[in-house]
């Protein structure tokens, strides 16, 4: 495991955020279980003559603090984040899952106010700074993945250290096709959805920001979405986990949202603000080593043969005009064992049951049995 951690640290510092001399790097971690990995990151940053710093954010204490949020504390947090984005050139965010429901008792209204207060500094950090986000493998992750802790650690590090440089080359024909596409149609079980991505372009994600990675995203023209999509993976959000979420759209807006659990709670999220009922991202996933959902979006949105269709905030580098305090990635797997499904670009079938059918796209059909 140590060798893989060293490899991952080197990959992040040299490739993902490409640390330059005297650049200031803030390493944020949710657990000192990642101490060895953080140590390798520090070594690599110093090796490239960068300036590292470490900040520990414990999830248990963090949720307790957030449960007592006041207007004054939100103002303090706003100031802290503004100072961080002003000071640092790069951010490495290491999450560590302990309990999906840890934030369940946080006041939703105060959470909305906090998100609103942090919008400007968050925008700077995401769009004007270099950053990378990863989940250090935990026992909870192992449990959700149905693996032993040791097996999951090996799996996670294999997934995070795939050959992203080669993936970046293989993705180019799909990017070229998506860039010139107007109409997209998605079909499958309880799903028939159409929208336009004309003029939106597309952004490859091959290890520069999220780890693990492996997706190509665009955004729908804001008012163009019509039809229905039903997701077949767990959708966690702010201390709640929803299953079998189904969304119906008319002229871009979610007009009906249902799930297997609490429809009222689900719709409360979509009522966060006006932009929460519109979509900010459409993406195809193809990490060759991620095949099954585990309720962790950082992994699930990269599943081979999947797509995600995301209510909420659009990214600035693929901006469709939608702004929101939420960005909720929801995943639909289209491989045969998950019910299949098709993706059409301008009425041409490009992916069937999770497998690309156009000749120039077939290199993205990684053989996951190897």
Protein backbone atom coordinates (compact mmCIF):
# COMPACT_ATOMS: atom_id res chain seq x y z
CA UNK A 1 0.00 0.00 0.00
CA UNK A 2 2.86 2.39 0.74
CA UNK A 3 4.19 2.20 -2.81
CA UNK A 4 0.73 2.93 -4.21
CA UNK A 5 0.33 5.88 -1.84
CA UNK A 6 3.68 7.25 -3.00
CA UNK A 7 2.60 6.81 -6.62
CA UNK A 8 -0.68 8.61 -5.95
CA UNK A 9 1.05 11.48 -4.13
CA UNK A 10 3.49 11.94 -7.02
CA UNK A 11 0.66 11.80 -9.56
CA UNK A 12 -1.33 14.50 -7.73
CA UNK A 13 1.58 16.88 -7.18
CA UNK A 14 3.17 16.49 -10.62
CA UNK A 15 0.14 15.87 -12.84
CA UNK A 16 -3.12 16.89 -11.17
CA UNK A 17 -2.12 20.27 -9.69
CA UNK A 18 1.36 20.59 -11.24
CA UNK A 19 2.93 22.37 -8.27
CA UNK A 20 5.36 25.12 -9.23
CA UNK A 21 8.12 26.82 -7.23
CA UNK A 22 6.83 28.80 -4.23
CA UNK A 23 3.19 27.87 -4.87
CA UNK A 24 1.25 27.53 -1.61
CA UNK A 25 -0.67 24.25 -1.25
CA UNK A 26 -3.31 23.63 1.45
CA UNK A 27 -3.84 19.94 2.23
CA UNK A 28 -7.22 19.51 3.94
CA UNK A 29 -7.97 16.15 5.54
CA UNK A 30 -10.93 14.69 7.43
CA UNK A 31 -8.82 12.06 9.17
CA UNK A 32 -5.26 11.41 10.31
CA UNK A 33 -5.76 7.87 9.02
CA UNK A 34 -4.32 9.46 5.88
CA UNK A 35 -1.18 10.58 7.73
CA UNK A 36 1.23 8.41 5.71
CA UNK A 37 -0.29 9.62 2.43
CA UNK A 38 -0.16 13.26 3.57
CA UNK A 39 3.49 12.77 4.46
CA UNK A 40 4.23 11.64 0.88
CA UNK A 41 2.30 14.65 -0.45
CA UNK A 42 4.41 16.99 1.69
CA UNK A 43 7.60 15.32 0.42
CA UNK A 44 6.52 15.71 -3.21
CA UNK A 45 5.47 19.35 -2.75
CA UNK A 46 8.80 20.22 -1.12
CA UNK A 47 10.59 18.31 -3.89
CA UNK A 48 9.03 20.73 -6.39
CA UNK A 49 9.86 23.68 -4.13
CA UNK A 50 6.24 24.33 -3.20
CA UNK A 51 4.99 25.47 0.21
CA UNK A 52 2.64 22.94 1.88
CA UNK A 53 0.28 23.38 4.82
CA UNK A 54 -2.14 20.93 6.49
CA UNK A 55 -5.61 21.52 7.93
CA UNK A 56 -7.63 18.81 9.75
CA UNK A 57 -11.45 18.94 9.54
CA UNK A 58 -12.96 16.16 11.67
CA UNK A 59 -16.47 15.19 10.35
CA UNK A 60 -17.85 14.37 13.81
CA UNK A 61 -16.80 17.71 15.29
CA UNK A 62 -17.68 19.48 12.07
CA UNK A 63 -21.29 18.31 12.17
CA UNK A 64 -21.58 19.28 15.84
CA UNK A 65 -20.28 22.75 15.04
CA UNK A 66 -22.62 23.08 12.04
CA UNK A 67 -25.65 22.07 14.10
CA UNK A 68 -25.09 25.24 16.14
CA UNK A 69 -24.55 27.55 13.17
CA UNK A 70 -25.64 31.16 13.66
CA UNK A 71 -25.54 34.19 11.39
CA UNK A 72 -22.37 35.27 13.21
CA UNK A 73 -20.64 31.90 12.78
CA UNK A 74 -21.54 31.81 9.09
CA UNK A 75 -19.95 35.24 8.69
CA UNK A 76 -16.81 33.91 10.40
CA UNK A 77 -16.67 30.88 8.08
CA UNK A 78 -17.15 33.18 5.09
CA UNK A 79 -14.14 35.24 6.18
CA UNK A 80 -11.99 32.14 6.77
CA UNK A 81 -12.70 30.73 3.31
CA UNK A 82 -12.07 34.11 1.67
CA UNK A 83 -8.69 34.26 3.42
CA UNK A 84 -7.82 30.73 2.27
CA UNK A 85 -8.59 31.34 -1.39
CA UNK A 86 -6.59 34.57 -1.23
CA UNK A 87 -3.59 32.84 0.35
CA UNK A 88 -3.30 29.48 -1.43
CA UNK A 89 -2.64 28.58 -5.06
CA UNK A 90 -3.75 24.92 -4.79
CA UNK A 91 -6.00 22.80 -2.61
CA UNK A 92 -5.84 19.05 -1.94
CA UNK A 93 -9.04 17.91 -0.21
CA UNK A 94 -8.85 14.44 1.39
CA UNK A 95 -12.23 13.19 2.54
CA UNK A 96 -12.68 10.19 4.85
CA UNK A 97 -16.13 8.62 5.10
CA UNK A 98 -17.36 7.71 8.58
CA UNK A 99 -21.15 8.15 8.51
CA UNK A 100 -23.37 9.23 5.61
CA UNK A 101 -25.92 10.53 8.10
CA UNK A 102 -23.52 12.67 10.16
CA UNK A 103 -25.04 15.91 8.84
CA UNK A 104 -28.65 14.79 9.28
CA UNK A 105 -29.43 17.21 12.15
CA UNK A 106 -28.01 20.34 10.54
CA UNK A 107 -30.70 23.00 10.06
CA UNK A 108 -31.47 23.09 6.29
CA UNK A 109 -32.19 26.82 6.40
CA UNK A 110 -28.85 27.61 8.03
CA UNK A 111 -27.19 25.30 5.49
CA UNK A 112 -28.74 27.33 2.66
CA UNK A 113 -27.45 30.55 4.25
CA UNK A 114 -23.97 29.08 4.60
CA UNK A 115 -23.86 27.95 0.97
CA UNK A 116 -25.04 31.39 -0.15
CA UNK A 117 -22.38 33.09 1.98
CA UNK A 118 -19.63 30.92 0.48
CA UNK A 119 -20.72 31.18 -3.16
CA UNK A 120 -18.16 33.83 -4.18
CA UNK A 121 -15.13 32.27 -2.46
CA UNK A 122 -16.17 28.76 -3.56
CA UNK A 123 -16.37 30.01 -7.15
CA UNK A 124 -12.83 31.38 -6.89
CA UNK A 125 -11.51 28.14 -5.40
CA UNK A 126 -13.18 25.94 -8.03
CA UNK A 127 -12.64 28.10 -11.09
CA UNK A 128 -9.52 30.16 -10.37
CA UNK A 129 -7.37 27.87 -8.23
CA UNK A 130 -5.86 24.44 -8.83
CA UNK A 131 -7.47 21.71 -6.75
CA UNK A 132 -7.93 17.98 -6.37
CA UNK A 133 -10.48 16.02 -4.35
CA UNK A 134 -10.17 12.40 -3.24
CA UNK A 135 -11.59 9.97 -0.69
CA UNK A 136 -9.02 8.16 1.41
CA UNK A 137 -10.30 4.55 1.74
CA UNK A 138 -12.17 3.93 5.00
CA UNK A 139 -13.88 0.98 6.67
CA UNK A 140 -17.26 2.53 5.85
CA UNK A 141 -16.29 2.70 2.18
CA UNK A 142 -15.26 -0.96 2.38
CA UNK A 143 -18.62 -1.86 3.88
CA UNK A 144 -20.58 0.05 1.21
CA UNK A 145 -18.53 -1.59 -1.52
CA UNK A 146 -19.13 -5.05 0.01
CA UNK A 147 -15.40 -5.71 0.36
CA UNK A 148 -12.94 -6.46 3.12
CA UNK A 149 -11.04 -3.40 4.28
CA UNK A 150 -7.81 -4.68 2.75
CA UNK A 151 -9.44 -5.53 -0.58
CA UNK A 152 -11.12 -2.14 -0.76
CA UNK A 153 -7.89 -0.30 -0.01
CA UNK A 154 -6.24 -2.12 -2.91
CA UNK A 155 -9.22 -1.45 -5.17
CA UNK A 156 -9.36 2.25 -4.26
CA UNK A 157 -5.67 2.84 -4.91
CA UNK A 158 -5.81 0.91 -8.20
CA UNK A 159 -8.78 3.04 -9.27
CA UNK A 160 -7.09 6.29 -8.26
CA UNK A 161 -3.84 5.51 -10.08
CA UNK A 162 -5.14 4.39 -13.48
CA UNK A 163 -3.23 5.74 -16.50
CA UNK A 164 -4.95 9.13 -16.75
CA UNK A 165 -2.54 10.43 -19.38
CA UNK A 166 -3.61 7.61 -21.75
CA UNK A 167 -7.25 8.16 -20.84
CA UNK A 168 -6.87 11.82 -21.77
CA UNK A 169 -5.80 10.81 -25.29
CA UNK A 170 -8.52 8.16 -25.68
CA UNK A 171 -11.25 10.65 -24.76
CA UNK A 172 -10.49 13.12 -27.57
CA UNK A 173 -12.79 11.64 -30.27
CA UNK A 174 -15.71 11.65 -27.82
CA UNK A 175 -14.95 15.25 -26.90
CA UNK A 176 -14.87 16.25 -30.58
CA UNK A 177 -18.23 14.56 -31.14
CA UNK A 178 -19.85 16.08 -28.05
CA UNK A 179 -18.58 19.55 -28.97
CA UNK A 180 -20.46 19.49 -32.27
CA UNK A 181 -23.62 17.78 -30.97
CA UNK A 182 -26.97 19.53 -30.65
CA UNK A 183 -29.61 17.03 -29.53
CA UNK A 184 -29.05 14.33 -26.91
CA UNK A 185 -31.54 11.59 -26.14
CA UNK A 186 -31.25 9.11 -23.28
CA UNK A 187 -33.46 6.02 -23.10
CA UNK A 188 -33.75 3.10 -20.72
CA UNK A 189 -35.99 1.63 -18.04
CA UNK A 190 -38.44 4.34 -16.93
CA UNK A 191 -36.26 6.82 -18.84
CA UNK A 192 -36.78 8.81 -22.02
CA UNK A 193 -35.10 12.19 -21.87
CA UNK A 194 -34.16 14.72 -24.55
CA UNK A 195 -32.20 17.96 -24.39
CA UNK A 196 -29.77 20.13 -26.34
CA UNK A 197 -26.08 20.73 -25.64
CA UNK A 198 -25.59 22.94 -28.70
CA UNK A 199 -22.73 25.38 -28.19
CA UNK A 200 -22.00 24.18 -24.64
CA UNK A 201 -18.77 22.33 -25.43
CA UNK A 202 -17.38 19.58 -23.19
CA UNK A 203 -14.76 19.18 -20.51
CA UNK A 204 -12.57 16.04 -20.13
CA UNK A 205 -11.97 14.86 -16.57
CA UNK A 206 -8.93 12.62 -16.53
CA UNK A 207 -7.27 12.93 -13.15
CA UNK A 208 -6.68 16.67 -12.93
CA UNK A 209 -9.27 17.44 -10.23
CA UNK A 210 -11.30 14.49 -8.98
CA UNK A 211 -9.54 11.29 -7.93
CA UNK A 212 -10.68 8.76 -9.05
CA UNK A 213 -11.63 10.23 -12.40
CA UNK A 214 -12.91 9.25 -15.82
CA UNK A 215 -15.73 11.30 -17.32
CA UNK A 216 -16.55 13.84 -20.00
CA UNK A 217 -19.11 16.48 -19.09
CA UNK A 218 -21.16 19.12 -20.78
CA UNK A 219 -24.35 20.94 -19.76
CA UNK A 220 -27.82 21.02 -21.26
CA UNK A 221 -29.16 24.25 -22.70
CA UNK A 222 -31.05 25.38 -19.62
CA UNK A 223 -34.64 25.28 -20.90
CA UNK A 224 -34.22 22.40 -23.36
CA UNK A 225 -34.71 19.39 -21.06
CA UNK A 226 -37.92 17.40 -21.52
CA UNK A 227 -38.95 13.91 -20.48
CA UNK A 228 -38.14 11.59 -17.61
CA UNK A 229 -35.05 10.00 -16.09
CA UNK A 230 -34.93 7.34 -13.38
CA UNK A 231 -31.64 6.77 -11.57
CA UNK A 232 -30.62 3.26 -10.46
CA UNK A 233 -27.91 4.07 -7.91
CA UNK A 234 -28.12 5.53 -4.37
CA UNK A 235 -28.25 9.34 -4.26
CA UNK A 236 -26.82 10.71 -0.98
CA UNK A 237 -27.31 14.36 -0.08
CA UNK A 238 -26.78 16.27 3.18
CA UNK A 239 -27.23 13.33 5.53
CA UNK A 240 -29.98 11.58 3.56
CA UNK A 241 -29.72 8.75 1.04
CA UNK A 242 -32.40 8.41 -1.65
CA UNK A 243 -33.02 5.41 -3.92
CA UNK A 244 -34.84 5.06 -7.25
CA UNK A 245 -35.04 8.83 -7.76
CA UNK A 246 -37.22 9.70 -10.75
CA UNK A 247 -37.33 13.21 -12.24
CA UNK A 248 -39.77 14.57 -14.82
CA UNK A 249 -38.83 17.70 -16.78
CA UNK A 250 -40.70 20.25 -18.84
CA UNK A 251 -38.79 23.01 -20.62
CA UNK A 252 -35.76 22.45 -18.42
CA UNK A 253 -37.52 22.41 -15.05
CA UNK A 254 -38.14 19.48 -12.71
CA UNK A 255 -41.93 19.36 -12.44
CA UNK A 256 -42.11 16.08 -10.53
CA UNK A 257 -39.59 14.32 -8.28
CA UNK A 258 -40.18 10.99 -6.54
CA UNK A 259 -38.07 8.38 -4.76
CA UNK A 260 -38.40 5.16 -2.77
CA UNK A 261 -38.18 6.98 0.56
CA UNK A 262 -39.41 10.46 1.49
CA UNK A 263 -40.75 12.48 -1.45
CA UNK A 264 -41.26 15.55 0.73
CA UNK A 265 -37.64 15.52 1.88
CA UNK A 266 -36.50 15.00 -1.72
CA UNK A 267 -38.51 17.96 -2.97
CA UNK A 268 -37.24 20.16 -0.15
CA UNK A 269 -33.79 19.82 -1.70
CA UNK A 270 -35.10 20.82 -5.12
CA UNK A 271 -36.80 23.81 -3.51
CA UNK A 272 -33.47 25.10 -2.16
CA UNK A 273 -33.58 27.87 -4.77
CA UNK A 274 -34.83 28.48 -8.30
CA UNK A 275 -31.81 26.87 -9.95
CA UNK A 276 -32.16 23.62 -7.99
CA UNK A 277 -34.94 22.45 -10.33
CA UNK A 278 -32.81 23.01 -13.43
CA UNK A 279 -29.81 20.98 -14.59
CA UNK A 280 -26.19 22.12 -14.54
CA UNK A 281 -24.32 19.08 -15.86
CA UNK A 282 -24.60 16.09 -18.19
CA UNK A 283 -21.72 13.61 -18.17
CA UNK A 284 -20.66 10.18 -19.42
CA UNK A 285 -18.53 7.99 -17.13
CA UNK A 286 -15.87 5.46 -18.13
CA UNK A 287 -13.34 4.62 -15.42
CA UNK A 288 -12.35 1.05 -16.39
CA UNK A 289 -11.98 -0.14 -12.79
CA UNK A 290 -15.23 1.24 -11.29
CA UNK A 291 -18.16 -1.04 -12.05
CA UNK A 292 -20.57 -1.01 -9.10
CA UNK A 293 -22.22 1.81 -7.12
CA UNK A 294 -21.26 2.29 -3.49
CA UNK A 295 -23.18 5.43 -2.56
CA UNK A 296 -20.12 7.66 -2.90
CA UNK A 297 -20.53 10.06 -5.80
CA UNK A 298 -16.80 10.55 -6.28
CA UNK A 299 -16.68 6.89 -7.37
CA UNK A 300 -20.20 6.36 -8.67
CA UNK A 301 -20.18 9.19 -11.24
CA UNK A 302 -17.15 7.56 -12.92
CA UNK A 303 -18.72 4.08 -13.27
CA UNK A 304 -17.97 2.45 -16.63
CA UNK A 305 -21.08 2.62 -18.82
CA UNK A 306 -22.80 5.24 -16.67
CA UNK A 307 -24.02 8.79 -17.03
CA UNK A 308 -24.97 11.46 -14.55
CA UNK A 309 -27.51 14.21 -14.99
CA UNK A 310 -27.08 16.85 -12.32
CA UNK A 311 -29.67 19.26 -10.94
CA UNK A 312 -28.20 22.53 -9.71
CA UNK A 313 -25.16 24.70 -10.31
CA UNK A 314 -23.45 24.62 -13.70
CA UNK A 315 -19.67 24.69 -13.86
CA UNK A 316 -18.17 27.95 -15.09
CA UNK A 317 -16.14 26.20 -17.79
CA UNK A 318 -19.36 24.75 -19.24
CA UNK A 319 -21.87 27.34 -18.08
CA UNK A 320 -25.50 27.20 -19.18
CA UNK A 321 -26.65 30.11 -17.01
CA UNK A 322 -27.94 28.00 -14.14
CA UNK A 323 -26.96 29.04 -10.62
CA UNK A 324 -27.87 27.21 -7.45
CA UNK A 325 -26.70 26.37 -3.96
CA UNK A 326 -26.83 22.67 -4.88
CA UNK A 327 -24.99 20.52 -7.38
CA UNK A 328 -26.42 17.03 -7.01
CA UNK A 329 -24.78 14.39 -9.19
CA UNK A 330 -27.21 11.50 -9.76
CA UNK A 331 -26.08 8.39 -11.59
CA UNK A 332 -27.73 6.06 -14.11
CA UNK A 333 -25.79 2.91 -15.06
CA UNK A 334 -26.67 1.60 -18.52
CA UNK A 335 -24.73 -1.66 -18.69
CA UNK A 336 -26.95 -4.73 -19.36
CA UNK A 337 -26.82 -6.02 -15.78
CA UNK A 338 -28.38 -2.71 -14.69
CA UNK A 339 -31.19 -2.76 -17.22
CA UNK A 340 -29.38 -1.34 -20.24
CA UNK A 341 -30.09 1.91 -22.03
CA UNK A 342 -29.04 3.97 -25.02
CA UNK A 343 -27.46 7.37 -25.68
CA UNK A 344 -28.11 9.18 -28.97
CA UNK A 345 -26.29 12.25 -30.30
CA UNK A 346 -28.30 14.00 -33.06
CA UNK A 347 -30.40 10.84 -33.53
CA UNK A 348 -27.31 8.64 -34.00
CA UNK A 349 -26.80 5.84 -31.48
CA UNK A 350 -23.38 6.35 -29.87
CA UNK A 351 -23.61 4.09 -26.81
CA UNK A 352 -25.76 1.00 -26.35
CA UNK A 353 -26.13 -0.72 -22.96
CA UNK A 354 -23.08 1.14 -21.69
CA UNK A 355 -20.85 0.24 -24.67
CA UNK A 356 -19.76 2.79 -27.28
CA UNK A 357 -20.74 1.61 -30.77
CA UNK A 358 -19.05 4.18 -33.02
CA UNK A 359 -15.67 2.96 -34.24
CA UNK A 360 -13.74 6.04 -33.10
CA UNK A 361 -15.20 5.73 -29.59
CA UNK A 362 -14.50 2.04 -29.04
CA UNK A 363 -11.14 2.65 -27.27
CA UNK A 364 -13.26 3.89 -24.36
CA UNK A 365 -14.84 0.42 -24.04
CA UNK A 366 -12.19 -0.73 -21.57
CA UNK A 367 -12.08 -4.48 -20.94
CA UNK A 368 -12.93 -4.53 -17.26
CA UNK A 369 -12.52 -8.31 -17.11
CA UNK A 370 -8.74 -8.00 -17.38
